[in-house]
C-alpha atoms as a PDB file:
ATOM      1  CA  MET A   1      -9.859  25.563 -20.185  1.00  0.00           C
ATOM      2  CA  ALA A   2     -10.044  24.630 -16.489  1.00  0.00           C
ATOM      3  CA  GLN A   3     -10.502  20.929 -17.755  1.00  0.00           C
ATOM      4  CA  ARG A   4      -8.064  21.280 -20.269  1.00  0.00           C
ATOM      5  CA  ASN A   5      -5.419  22.536 -17.460  1.00  0.00           C
ATOM      6  CA  TYR A   6      -6.416  19.463 -15.288  1.00  0.00           C
ATOM      7  CA  MET A   7      -5.643  17.141 -17.671  1.00  0.00           C
ATOM      8  CA  ASN A   8      -2.077  18.669 -18.777  1.00  0.00           C
ATOM      9  CA  ILE A   9      -1.334  18.538 -15.262  1.00  0.00           C
ATOM     10  CA  LEU A  10      -2.541  14.870 -14.753  1.00  0.00           C
ATOM     11  CA  GLU A  11      -0.108  14.295 -17.745  1.00  0.00           C
ATOM     12  CA  LYS A  12       2.911  15.665 -16.275  1.00  0.00           C
ATOM     13  CA  VAL A  13       2.264  13.440 -13.289  1.00  0.00           C
ATOM     14  CA  VAL A  14       1.899  10.299 -15.144  1.00  0.00           C
ATOM     15  CA  GLN A  15       5.375  11.324 -16.968  1.00  0.00           C
ATOM     16  CA  LYS A  16       7.004  11.664 -13.790  1.00  0.00           C
ATOM     17  CA  VAL A  17       5.649   8.398 -12.428  1.00  0.00           C
ATOM     18  CA  LEU A  18       6.982   6.842 -15.599  1.00  0.00           C
ATOM     19  CA  GLU A  19      10.361   8.308 -15.368  1.00  0.00           C
ATOM     20  CA  GLU A  20      10.990   7.770 -11.778  1.00  0.00           C
ATOM     21  CA  GLN A  21       8.959   4.664 -11.396  1.00  0.00           C
ATOM     22  CA  GLN A  22       7.487   5.924  -7.860  1.00  0.00           C
ATOM     23  CA  ASN A  23       4.111   6.188  -6.420  1.00  0.00           C
ATOM     24  CA  VAL A  24       2.700   4.110  -9.387  1.00  0.00           C
ATOM     25  CA  ARG A  25      -0.117   2.477  -7.085  1.00  0.00           C
ATOM     26  CA  THR A  26      -1.239   5.791  -6.108  1.00  0.00           C
ATOM     27  CA  ILE A  27      -1.756   7.416  -9.517  1.00  0.00           C
ATOM     28  CA  ARG A  28      -3.402   4.212 -10.739  1.00  0.00           C
ATOM     29  CA  GLU A  29      -5.832   4.698  -8.243  1.00  0.00           C
ATOM     30  CA  LEU A  30      -6.347   8.383  -9.285  1.00  0.00           C
ATOM     31  CA  LEU A  31      -6.917   7.770 -12.877  1.00  0.00           C
ATOM     32  CA  GLN A  32      -9.163   4.450 -12.124  1.00  0.00           C
ATOM     33  CA  THR A  33     -11.370   6.855 -10.112  1.00  0.00           C
ATOM     34  CA  LEU A  34     -11.127   9.547 -12.674  1.00  0.00           C
ATOM     35  CA  TYR A  35     -12.017   7.123 -15.184  1.00  0.00           C
ATOM     36  CA  LEU A  36     -14.893   5.975 -13.539  1.00  0.00           C
ATOM     37  CA  SER A  37     -16.154   9.310 -13.026  1.00  0.00           C
ATOM     38  CA  VAL A  38     -16.000  10.288 -16.367  1.00  0.00           C
ATOM     39  CA  CYS A  39     -17.931   7.425 -17.647  1.00  0.00           C
ATOM     40  CA  SER A  40     -20.704   8.273 -15.126  1.00  0.00           C
ATOM     41  CA  LEU A  41     -20.843  11.613 -16.753  1.00  0.00           C
ATOM     42  CA  VAL A  42     -21.133  10.568 -20.086  1.00  0.00           C
ATOM     43  CA  GLN A  43     -23.279   7.547 -19.822  1.00  0.00           C
ATOM     44  CA  ASP A  44     -25.325   7.930 -16.629  1.00  0.00           C
ATOM     45  CA  VAL A  45     -26.203  11.557 -16.428  1.00  0.00           C
ATOM     46  CA  GLY A  46     -26.006  12.518 -19.844  1.00  0.00           C
ATOM     47  CA  LYS A  47     -24.413  15.220 -22.645  1.00  0.00           C
ATOM     48  CA  CYS A  48     -26.876  18.010 -21.466  1.00  0.00           C
ATOM     49  CA  VAL A  49     -24.829  18.630 -18.252  1.00  0.00           C
ATOM     50  CA  LEU A  50     -21.267  18.218 -19.793  1.00  0.00           C
ATOM     51  CA  VAL A  51     -19.250  20.986 -20.375  1.00  0.00           C
ATOM     52  CA  GLY A  52     -18.274  20.929 -24.203  1.00  0.00           C
ATOM     53  CA  SER A  53     -18.913  18.180 -26.897  1.00  0.00           C
ATOM     54  CA  ILE A  54     -19.553  14.836 -26.386  1.00  0.00           C
ATOM     55  CA  SER A  55     -16.670  13.856 -28.526  1.00  0.00           C
ATOM     56  CA  ILE A  56     -14.058  15.829 -26.391  1.00  0.00           C
ATOM     57  CA  TRP A  57     -15.145  13.612 -23.229  1.00  0.00           C
ATOM     58  CA  VAL A  58     -14.905  10.564 -25.216  1.00  0.00           C
ATOM     59  CA  GLN A  59     -11.427  11.668 -26.152  1.00  0.00           C
ATOM     60  CA  ARG A  60     -10.493  12.166 -22.390  1.00  0.00           C
ATOM     61  CA  MET A  61     -11.819   8.796 -21.670  1.00  0.00           C
ATOM     62  CA  GLU A  62      -9.363   7.439 -24.256  1.00  0.00           C
ATOM     63  CA  THR A  63      -6.228   9.513 -22.760  1.00  0.00           C
ATOM     64  CA  ILE A  64      -7.112   7.799 -19.495  1.00  0.00           C
ATOM     65  CA  GLN A  65      -7.266   4.296 -20.693  1.00  0.00           C
ATOM     66  CA  HIS A  66      -3.887   4.884 -22.730  1.00  0.00           C
ATOM     67  CA  TRP A  67      -2.190   6.411 -19.437  1.00  0.00           C
ATOM     68  CA  GLN A  68      -3.671   3.356 -17.835  1.00  0.00           C
ATOM     69  CA  GLN A  69      -1.766   1.130 -19.835  1.00  0.00           C
ATOM     70  CA  LEU A  70       1.516   2.707 -19.984  1.00  0.00           C
ATOM     71  CA  LEU A  71       1.523   2.287 -16.126  1.00  0.00           C
ATOM     72  CA  ASP A  72       0.417  -1.221 -16.817  1.00  0.00           C
ATOM     73  CA  CYS A  73       3.499  -2.000 -18.997  1.00  0.00           C
ATOM     74  CA  ILE A  74       5.812  -0.039 -16.262  1.00  0.00           C
ATOM     75  CA  GLN A  75       8.928  -2.427 -15.631  1.00  0.00           C
ATOM     76  CA  ILE A  76      10.662  -1.365 -12.375  1.00  0.00           C
ATOM     77  CA  ARG A  77      14.620  -1.150 -13.300  1.00  0.00           C
ATOM     78  CA  ARG A  78      16.861  -3.158 -11.322  1.00  0.00           C
ATOM     79  CA  PRO A  79      19.606  -0.883  -9.845  1.00  0.00           C
ATOM     80  CA  ALA A  80      23.116  -1.390 -11.267  1.00  0.00           C
ATOM     81  CA  SER A  81      24.655  -2.420  -7.967  1.00  0.00           C
ATOM     82  CA  LYS A  82      24.872  -6.351  -7.745  1.00  0.00           C
ATOM     83  CA  GLY A  83      24.635  -5.913  -3.840  1.00  0.00           C
ATOM     84  CA  THR A  84      22.606  -8.219  -1.511  1.00  0.00           C
ATOM     85  CA  THR A  85      18.832  -8.009  -2.452  1.00  0.00           C
ATOM     86  CA  LEU A  86      15.811  -9.314  -0.889  1.00  0.00           C
ATOM     87  CA  THR A  87      15.706 -12.714  -2.304  1.00  0.00           C
ATOM     88  CA  ASP A  88      19.560 -13.355  -1.014  1.00  0.00           C
ATOM     89  CA  LEU A  89      18.461 -13.266   2.545  1.00  0.00           C
ATOM     90  CA  PRO A  90      17.233 -16.459   4.377  1.00  0.00           C
ATOM     91  CA  PRO A  91      13.572 -17.243   4.070  1.00  0.00           C
ATOM     92  CA  SER A  92      13.153 -16.442   7.912  1.00  0.00           C
ATOM     93  CA  LEU A  93      14.438 -12.909   7.358  1.00  0.00           C
ATOM     94  CA  GLN A  94      12.333 -12.485   4.253  1.00  0.00           C
ATOM     95  CA  LEU A  95       9.495 -13.322   6.683  1.00  0.00           C
ATOM     96  CA  SER A  96      10.512 -11.092   9.273  1.00  0.00           C
ATOM     97  CA  ILE A  97      10.582  -8.163   6.899  1.00  0.00           C
ATOM     98  CA  MET A  98       7.025  -8.974   5.519  1.00  0.00           C
ATOM     99  CA  GLN A  99       5.465  -8.691   8.718  1.00  0.00           C
ATOM    100  CA  ARG A 100       6.536  -5.314   8.857  1.00  0.00           C
ATOM    101  CA  LEU A 101       4.174  -4.376   5.797  1.00  0.00           C
ATOM    102  CA  SER A 102       1.027  -2.864   7.229  1.00  0.00           C
ATOM    103  CA  ASP A 103      -0.677  -3.200   3.639  1.00  0.00           C
ATOM    104  CA  GLY A 104      -1.868  -6.393   2.238  1.00  0.00           C
ATOM    105  CA  ARG A 105      -1.644  -5.103  -1.078  1.00  0.00           C
ATOM    106  CA  ASP A 106       2.081  -4.761  -0.705  1.00  0.00           C
ATOM    107  CA  LEU A 107       2.147  -8.388  -0.075  1.00  0.00           C
ATOM    108  CA  LEU A 108       0.581  -8.997  -3.338  1.00  0.00           C
ATOM    109  CA  SER A 109       2.909  -6.568  -4.851  1.00  0.00           C
ATOM    110  CA  LEU A 110       5.461  -8.853  -3.541  1.00  0.00           C
ATOM    111  CA  ALA A 111       4.245 -11.966  -4.609  1.00  0.00           C
ATOM    112  CA  GLN A 112       4.540 -11.212  -8.366  1.00  0.00           C
ATOM    113  CA  VAL A 113       8.518 -10.718  -8.074  1.00  0.00           C
ATOM    114  CA  CYS A 114       9.361 -14.198  -8.053  1.00  0.00           C
ATOM    115  CA  PRO A 115       7.692 -17.650  -7.222  1.00  0.00           C
ATOM    116  CA  ASP A 116       9.719 -18.224  -3.984  1.00  0.00           C
ATOM    117  CA  LEU A 117       8.599 -14.749  -2.489  1.00  0.00           C
ATOM    118  CA  ARG A 118       5.154 -15.691  -3.652  1.00  0.00           C
ATOM    119  CA  THR A 119       5.170 -18.831  -1.885  1.00  0.00           C
ATOM    120  CA  LEU A 120       6.426 -17.217   1.119  1.00  0.00           C
ATOM    121  CA  THR A 121       3.389 -14.484   0.872  1.00  0.00           C
ATOM    122  CA  GLU A 122       1.093 -17.291   1.082  1.00  0.00           C
ATOM    123  CA  ASP A 123       2.019 -17.764   5.218  1.00  0.00           C
ATOM    124  CA  TRP A 124      -1.067 -17.594   6.933  1.00  0.00           C
ATOM    125  CA  LEU A 125       0.405 -16.326   9.525  1.00  0.00           C
ATOM    126  CA  LEU A 126       1.277 -13.115   7.848  1.00  0.00           C
ATOM    127  CA  TRP A 127      -2.334 -12.663   7.049  1.00  0.00           C
ATOM    128  CA  LYS A 128      -3.778 -13.428  10.455  1.00  0.00           C
ATOM    129  CA  LYS A 129      -1.394 -10.975  11.905  1.00  0.00           C
ATOM    130  CA  LEU A 130      -2.750  -8.421   9.406  1.00  0.00           C
ATOM    131  CA  CYS A 131      -6.113  -9.558  10.354  1.00  0.00           C
ATOM    132  CA  GLN A 132      -5.963  -9.424  14.102  1.00  0.00           C
ATOM    133  CA  TYR A 133      -4.177  -6.006  14.281  1.00  0.00           C
ATOM    134  CA  HIS A 134      -6.471  -4.139  11.779  1.00  0.00           C
ATOM    135  CA  PHE A 135      -9.626  -5.539  13.199  1.00  0.00           C
ATOM    136  CA  THR A 136     -11.528  -6.659  16.261  1.00  0.00           C
ATOM    137  CA  ASP A 137     -12.249 -10.003  17.267  1.00  0.00           C
ATOM    138  CA  LEU A 138     -15.661  -9.269  16.827  1.00  0.00           C
ATOM    139  CA  GLN A 139     -15.373  -8.296  13.293  1.00  0.00           C
ATOM    140  CA  ILE A 140     -13.032 -11.331  12.250  1.00  0.00           C
ATOM    141  CA  HIS A 141     -15.675 -13.874  13.737  1.00  0.00           C
ATOM    142  CA  LYS A 142     -18.681 -12.059  11.601  1.00  0.00           C
ATOM    143  CA  HIS A 143     -16.497 -12.999   8.400  1.00  0.00           C
ATOM    144  CA  LEU A 144     -15.092 -16.248   9.096  1.00  0.00           C
ATOM    145  CA  MET A 145     -14.250 -17.945   5.993  1.00  0.00           C
ATOM    146  CA  VAL A 146     -13.151 -21.790   6.198  1.00  0.00           C
ATOM    147  CA  SER A 147     -11.551 -23.738   3.561  1.00  0.00           C
ATOM    148  CA  GLU A 148     -12.929 -27.250   2.499  1.00  0.00           C
ATOM    149  CA  ARG A 149     -10.171 -28.765   4.827  1.00  0.00           C
ATOM    150  CA  GLY A 150     -11.640 -26.592   7.819  1.00  0.00           C
ATOM    151  CA  HIS A 151      -8.725 -24.266   7.604  1.00  0.00           C
ATOM    152  CA  LEU A 152      -9.287 -20.552   8.232  1.00  0.00           C
ATOM    153  CA  GLU A 153      -8.706 -18.788   5.089  1.00  0.00           C
ATOM    154  CA  TRP A 154      -7.022 -15.748   6.322  1.00  0.00           C
ATOM    155  CA  LYS A 155      -5.980 -14.163   3.193  1.00  0.00           C
ATOM    156  CA  ARG A 156      -9.580 -14.042   1.799  1.00  0.00           C
ATOM    157  CA  MET A 157     -10.688 -12.700   5.140  1.00  0.00           C
ATOM    158  CA  TYR A 158      -8.319  -9.869   5.356  1.00  0.00           C
ATOM    159  CA  PHE A 159      -9.618  -8.449   2.098  1.00  0.00           C
ATOM    160  CA  LYS A 160     -13.106  -8.770   2.656  1.00  0.00           C
ATOM    161  CA  LEU A 161     -12.706  -7.472   6.329  1.00  0.00           C
ATOM    162  CA  CYS A 162     -11.047  -4.007   4.299  1.00  0.00           C
ATOM    163  CA  ARG A 163     -14.018  -4.042   2.429  1.00  0.00           C
ATOM    164  CA  CYS A 164     -16.313  -3.763   5.380  1.00  0.00           C
ATOM    165  CA  TYR A 165     -14.386  -1.792   7.860  1.00  0.00           C
ATOM    166  CA  SER A 166     -11.434   0.670   7.972  1.00  0.00           C
ATOM    167  CA  ARG A 167      -8.003  -0.188   8.578  1.00  0.00           C
ATOM    168  CA  LYS A 168      -5.554   1.134  11.076  1.00  0.00           C
ATOM    169  CA  GLU A 169      -2.965   3.731   9.626  1.00  0.00           C
ATOM    170  CA  GLN A 170       0.160   2.485  11.558  1.00  0.00           C
ATOM    171  CA  TYR A 171       1.351  -1.074  11.713  1.00  0.00           C
ATOM    172  CA  SER A 172       1.951  -2.658  15.371  1.00  0.00           C
ATOM    173  CA  ASP A 173       5.378  -3.091  15.114  1.00  0.00           C
ATOM    174  CA  SER A 174       6.017   0.578  14.987  1.00  0.00           C
ATOM    175  CA  LEU A 175       9.524   2.614  15.761  1.00  0.00           C
ATOM    176  CA  GLN A 176       9.909   3.624  19.130  1.00  0.00           C
ATOM    177  CA  LEU A 177      11.924   6.445  20.593  1.00  0.00           C
ATOM    178  CA  CYS A 178      13.663   6.370  23.634  1.00  0.00           C
ATOM    179  CA  THR A 179      14.260   9.531  25.252  1.00  0.00           C
ATOM    180  CA  HIS A 180      16.454   8.637  27.734  1.00  0.00           C
ATOM    181  CA  CYS A 181      19.030   7.020  25.564  1.00  0.00           C
ATOM    182  CA  LEU A 182      18.118   8.913  22.593  1.00  0.00           C
ATOM    183  CA  ILE A 183      17.711   5.433  20.331  1.00  0.00           C
ATOM    184  CA  LEU A 184      15.257   4.300  17.741  1.00  0.00           C
ATOM    185  CA  PHE A 185      13.893   0.716  17.939  1.00  0.00           C
ATOM    186  CA  TRP A 186      11.399  -1.118  16.618  1.00  0.00           C
ATOM    187  CA  LYS A 187       8.614  -1.888  19.366  1.00  0.00           C
ATOM    188  CA  ASP A 188       8.964  -5.780  19.267  1.00  0.00           C
ATOM    189  CA  VAL A 189      12.621  -5.337  19.706  1.00  0.00           C
ATOM    190  CA  ARG A 190      13.390  -4.010  23.204  1.00  0.00           C
ATOM    191  CA  HIS A 191      16.490  -2.340  23.643  1.00  0.00           C
ATOM    192  CA  PRO A 192      18.256  -2.139  27.001  1.00  0.00           C
ATOM    193  CA  CYS A 193      17.449   1.093  28.547  1.00  0.00           C
ATOM    194  CA  THR A 194      19.240   1.972  31.375  1.00  0.00           C
ATOM    195  CA  ALA A 195      16.326   4.087  32.856  1.00  0.00           C
ATOM    196  CA  ASN A 196      14.301   2.863  36.286  1.00  0.00           C
ATOM    197  CA  ASN A 197      11.384   2.655  34.320  1.00  0.00           C
ATOM    198  CA  ALA A 198      11.990   2.030  30.497  1.00  0.00           C
ATOM    199  CA  ASP A 199       8.402   1.966  29.365  1.00  0.00           C
ATOM    200  CA  SER A 200       7.963   5.649  30.762  1.00  0.00           C
ATOM    201  CA  VAL A 201      10.765   7.063  28.445  1.00  0.00           C
ATOM    202  CA  CYS A 202       9.535   5.425  25.185  1.00  0.00           C
ATOM    203  CA  VAL A 203       7.412   7.422  22.888  1.00  0.00           C
ATOM    204  CA  SER A 204       5.835   6.031  19.661  1.00  0.00           C
ATOM    205  CA  VAL A 205       7.583   7.394  16.138  1.00  0.00           C
ATOM    206  CA  PRO A 206       4.765   7.659  13.587  1.00  0.00           C
ATOM    207  CA  PRO A 207       6.025   8.056   9.897  1.00  0.00           C
ATOM    208  CA  GLN A 208       5.903  11.296   9.647  1.00  0.00           C
ATOM    209  CA  GLY A 209       7.361  11.669  13.035  1.00  0.00           C
ATOM    210  CA  PHE A 210      10.064   9.626  11.475  1.00  0.00           C
ATOM    211  CA  LEU A 211      10.314  11.825   8.554  1.00  0.00           C
ATOM    212  CA  ASN A 212      10.565  15.143  10.386  1.00  0.00           C
ATOM    213  CA  LEU A 213      13.623  13.855  12.538  1.00  0.00           C
ATOM    214  CA  PHE A 214      15.270  14.359   9.167  1.00  0.00           C
ATOM    215  CA  LYS A 215      14.397  18.105   8.979  1.00  0.00           C
ATOM    216  CA  TYR A 216      16.418  20.842  10.204  1.00  0.00           C
END
């Protein structure tokens, strides 16, 4: 009964994701982990430890695969508004926005939008900055990858380093709050503070802290 309730809850979650088209990657990772765990129980451990018949467990595996197929076929609906989109911006601004993404997987997702964005996401400087922020020089030097032309392959190095080490949770170009002027600004874009020591009145604002600013 507990397993049945769990599957029912998970089905509701999948339906919610399909309807709202949000948190798609998170639920994909959850389903993949669940599927691998169930496979391990059925194939490696054996039916002697399973609660319920083996046919029920196989049916659950098929259900999880069906959910995964539905998520793979999801198509993000474009908003009805015909306002300015990311691709309407100059390439320099597009690159500036990409530099504020802290996860290389987001760049890969962005590359699937259109060929122009795919070209921009291959910019070696984007991947170099990700590597240099998330990992130390020693870690990078241990996993250097050089192309046939003698160039460092920062993109491949980033994903290899992700498999070997943990990444930082917060990106370098974070929000800052000036407690003197009560102004939010990006760390790389200084604001004209009137305080005698501007650095002493600025505090970092993490993502959750930014959300807390909207709570009453």
